[in-house]
Amino acid sequence: MESRNLRLVPVMALATAGLMFAGTAGAAAAAPPERSPSTASSTGSEEEASSNWQPDGWYSSEECCHQAGDLGKHYGDWHEYQCKREEKHHGHHDYWWHLYYRS
């Protein structure tokens, strides 16, 4: 049983990554221009560094992350935001939604 689980982990990770890429690519193309930064796909830390994105908080669901991002935008805390699904504790396979913003 253990060896079967070990074989499924890479397959599940690949399938999840493919679904995330397909979902974010379609959402970014279909979203209005104002909303597109919040649905942009993850391209790594160099994107955050080059465009001055700042991390804000971790959320257990994409919906909660977008609600927090919308509130921050509404109250003028930031001009735009994006939510990315990332591993919260490196190596523990616990994926959460991370809110990034820029003024």
C-alpha atoms as a PDB file:
ATOM      1  CA  MET A   1       0.000   0.000   0.000  1.00  0.00           C
ATOM      2  CA  GLU A   2       2.803   2.406   0.836  1.00  0.00           C
ATOM      3  CA  SER A   3       4.535   1.953  -2.538  1.00  0.00           C
ATOM      4  CA  ARG A   4       1.257   2.660  -4.362  1.00  0.00           C
ATOM      5  CA  ASN A   5       0.842   5.910  -2.427  1.00  0.00           C
ATOM      6  CA  LEU A   6       4.386   6.938  -3.282  1.00  0.00           C
ATOM      7  CA  ARG A   7       3.687   6.372  -6.993  1.00  0.00           C
ATOM      8  CA  LEU A   8       0.493   8.436  -6.840  1.00  0.00           C
ATOM      9  CA  VAL A   9       2.086  11.501  -5.251  1.00  0.00           C
ATOM     10  CA  PRO A  10       4.005  12.658  -8.388  1.00  0.00           C
ATOM     11  CA  VAL A  11       1.007  11.904 -10.611  1.00  0.00           C
ATOM     12  CA  MET A  12      -1.330  13.870  -8.349  1.00  0.00           C
ATOM     13  CA  ALA A  13       1.139  16.770  -8.125  1.00  0.00           C
ATOM     14  CA  LEU A  14       1.486  16.883 -11.904  1.00  0.00           C
ATOM     15  CA  ALA A  15      -2.291  16.744 -12.389  1.00  0.00           C
ATOM     16  CA  THR A  16      -2.828  19.493  -9.813  1.00  0.00           C
ATOM     17  CA  ALA A  17      -0.190  21.694 -11.430  1.00  0.00           C
ATOM     18  CA  GLY A  18      -1.780  21.168 -14.850  1.00  0.00           C
ATOM     19  CA  LEU A  19      -5.234  22.053 -13.560  1.00  0.00           C
ATOM     20  CA  MET A  20      -3.928  25.127 -11.781  1.00  0.00           C
ATOM     21  CA  PHE A  21      -2.119  26.301 -14.923  1.00  0.00           C
ATOM     22  CA  ALA A  22      -5.160  25.724 -17.124  1.00  0.00           C
ATOM     23  CA  GLY A  23      -7.473  27.426 -14.620  1.00  0.00           C
ATOM     24  CA  THR A  24      -5.331  30.497 -14.096  1.00  0.00           C
ATOM     25  CA  ALA A  25      -4.528  30.904 -17.786  1.00  0.00           C
ATOM     26  CA  GLY A  26      -8.224  30.796 -18.709  1.00  0.00           C
ATOM     27  CA  ALA A  27      -9.241  33.081 -15.851  1.00  0.00           C
ATOM     28  CA  ALA A  28      -6.566  35.642 -16.703  1.00  0.00           C
ATOM     29  CA  ALA A  29      -7.663  35.762 -20.339  1.00  0.00           C
ATOM     30  CA  ALA A  30     -11.360  36.046 -19.461  1.00  0.00           C
ATOM     31  CA  ALA A  31     -11.035  38.511 -16.574  1.00  0.00           C
ATOM     32  CA  PRO A  32     -11.420  42.268 -17.014  1.00  0.00           C
ATOM     33  CA  PRO A  33      -8.115  44.212 -17.036  1.00  0.00           C
ATOM     34  CA  GLU A  34      -8.566  45.562 -13.489  1.00  0.00           C
ATOM     35  CA  ARG A  35      -8.851  42.043 -12.042  1.00  0.00           C
ATOM     36  CA  SER A  36      -6.132  40.325 -14.094  1.00  0.00           C
ATOM     37  CA  PRO A  37      -3.223  40.823 -11.616  1.00  0.00           C
ATOM     38  CA  SER A  38      -5.165  38.969  -8.929  1.00  0.00           C
ATOM     39  CA  THR A  39      -5.638  35.930 -11.154  1.00  0.00           C
ATOM     40  CA  ALA A  40      -2.166  35.863 -12.696  1.00  0.00           C
ATOM     41  CA  SER A  41      -0.374  32.548 -12.526  1.00  0.00           C
ATOM     42  CA  SER A  42       2.637  32.028 -10.299  1.00  0.00           C
ATOM     43  CA  THR A  43       5.983  32.610 -12.000  1.00  0.00           C
ATOM     44  CA  GLY A  44       8.217  32.636  -8.958  1.00  0.00           C
ATOM     45  CA  SER A  45       9.981  35.060  -6.669  1.00  0.00           C
ATOM     46  CA  GLU A  46      11.676  36.988  -9.493  1.00  0.00           C
ATOM     47  CA  GLU A  47       8.269  38.348 -10.571  1.00  0.00           C
ATOM     48  CA  GLU A  48       7.604  39.653  -7.067  1.00  0.00           C
ATOM     49  CA  ALA A  49      11.064  41.214  -6.827  1.00  0.00           C
ATOM     50  CA  SER A  50      10.956  42.880 -10.244  1.00  0.00           C
ATOM     51  CA  SER A  51       7.495  44.378  -9.791  1.00  0.00           C
ATOM     52  CA  ASN A  52       7.623  45.209  -6.041  1.00  0.00           C
ATOM     53  CA  TRP A  53       4.965  42.721  -4.935  1.00  0.00           C
ATOM     54  CA  GLN A  54       4.796  42.461  -1.134  1.00  0.00           C
ATOM     55  CA  PRO A  55       3.478  39.406   0.755  1.00  0.00           C
ATOM     56  CA  ASP A  56       0.544  40.001   3.084  1.00  0.00           C
ATOM     57  CA  GLY A  57      -1.030  36.854   4.501  1.00  0.00           C
ATOM     58  CA  TRP A  58      -1.885  33.180   4.119  1.00  0.00           C
ATOM     59  CA  TYR A  59      -5.440  31.931   3.467  1.00  0.00           C
ATOM     60  CA  SER A  60      -6.876  28.432   3.476  1.00  0.00           C
ATOM     61  CA  SER A  61      -8.982  29.009   0.354  1.00  0.00           C
ATOM     62  CA  GLU A  62      -8.726  31.039  -2.834  1.00  0.00           C
ATOM     63  CA  GLU A  63     -12.064  32.681  -2.050  1.00  0.00           C
ATOM     64  CA  CYS A  64     -10.828  33.958   1.343  1.00  0.00           C
ATOM     65  CA  CYS A  65      -7.655  35.273  -0.262  1.00  0.00           C
ATOM     66  CA  HIS A  66      -9.605  37.221  -2.891  1.00  0.00           C
ATOM     67  CA  GLN A  67     -12.003  38.584  -0.267  1.00  0.00           C
ATOM     68  CA  ALA A  68      -9.059  39.906   1.744  1.00  0.00           C
ATOM     69  CA  GLY A  69      -7.479  41.318  -1.409  1.00  0.00           C
ATOM     70  CA  ASP A  70     -10.695  43.067  -2.403  1.00  0.00           C
ATOM     71  CA  LEU A  71     -11.066  44.552   1.087  1.00  0.00           C
ATOM     72  CA  GLY A  72      -7.514  45.856   1.059  1.00  0.00           C
ATOM     73  CA  LYS A  73      -8.105  47.395  -2.343  1.00  0.00           C
ATOM     74  CA  HIS A  74     -11.428  48.909  -1.222  1.00  0.00           C
ATOM     75  CA  TYR A  75      -9.844  50.525   1.851  1.00  0.00           C
ATOM     76  CA  GLY A  76      -6.842  51.789  -0.114  1.00  0.00           C
ATOM     77  CA  ASP A  77      -4.266  49.557   1.537  1.00  0.00           C
ATOM     78  CA  TRP A  78      -3.001  48.567  -1.938  1.00  0.00           C
ATOM     79  CA  HIS A  79      -3.639  49.316  -5.574  1.00  0.00           C
ATOM     80  CA  GLU A  80      -3.656  45.720  -6.828  1.00  0.00           C
ATOM     81  CA  TYR A  81      -3.214  42.227  -5.478  1.00  0.00           C
ATOM     82  CA  GLN A  82      -2.822  38.619  -6.523  1.00  0.00           C
ATOM     83  CA  CYS A  83      -3.391  35.277  -4.833  1.00  0.00           C
ATOM     84  CA  LYS A  84      -0.994  32.393  -5.389  1.00  0.00           C
ATOM     85  CA  ARG A  85      -1.235  28.799  -4.189  1.00  0.00           C
ATOM     86  CA  GLU A  86       2.060  28.076  -2.453  1.00  0.00           C
ATOM     87  CA  GLU A  87       3.551  25.687   0.067  1.00  0.00           C
ATOM     88  CA  LYS A  88       3.276  27.439   3.436  1.00  0.00           C
ATOM     89  CA  HIS A  89       5.920  25.361   5.245  1.00  0.00           C
ATOM     90  CA  HIS A  90       8.600  24.229   2.816  1.00  0.00           C
ATOM     91  CA  GLY A  91       8.806  20.449   2.559  1.00  0.00           C
ATOM     92  CA  HIS A  92       5.542  19.723   4.410  1.00  0.00           C
ATOM     93  CA  HIS A  93       3.243  19.709   1.345  1.00  0.00           C
ATOM     94  CA  ASP A  94       0.743  22.048   3.001  1.00  0.00           C
ATOM     95  CA  TYR A  95      -0.507  24.359   0.262  1.00  0.00           C
ATOM     96  CA  TRP A  96      -2.308  27.578   1.137  1.00  0.00           C
ATOM     97  CA  TRP A  97      -3.187  30.756  -0.762  1.00  0.00           C
ATOM     98  CA  HIS A  98      -0.672  33.580  -0.322  1.00  0.00           C
ATOM     99  CA  LEU A  99      -1.831  37.168  -0.872  1.00  0.00           C
ATOM    100  CA  TYR A 100       0.604  39.565  -2.573  1.00  0.00           C
ATOM    101  CA  TYR A 101      -0.055  43.261  -3.094  1.00  0.00           C
ATOM    102  CA  ARG A 102       1.533  46.389  -4.484  1.00  0.00           C
ATOM    103  CA  SER A 103       0.679  50.018  -3.903  1.00  0.00           C
END
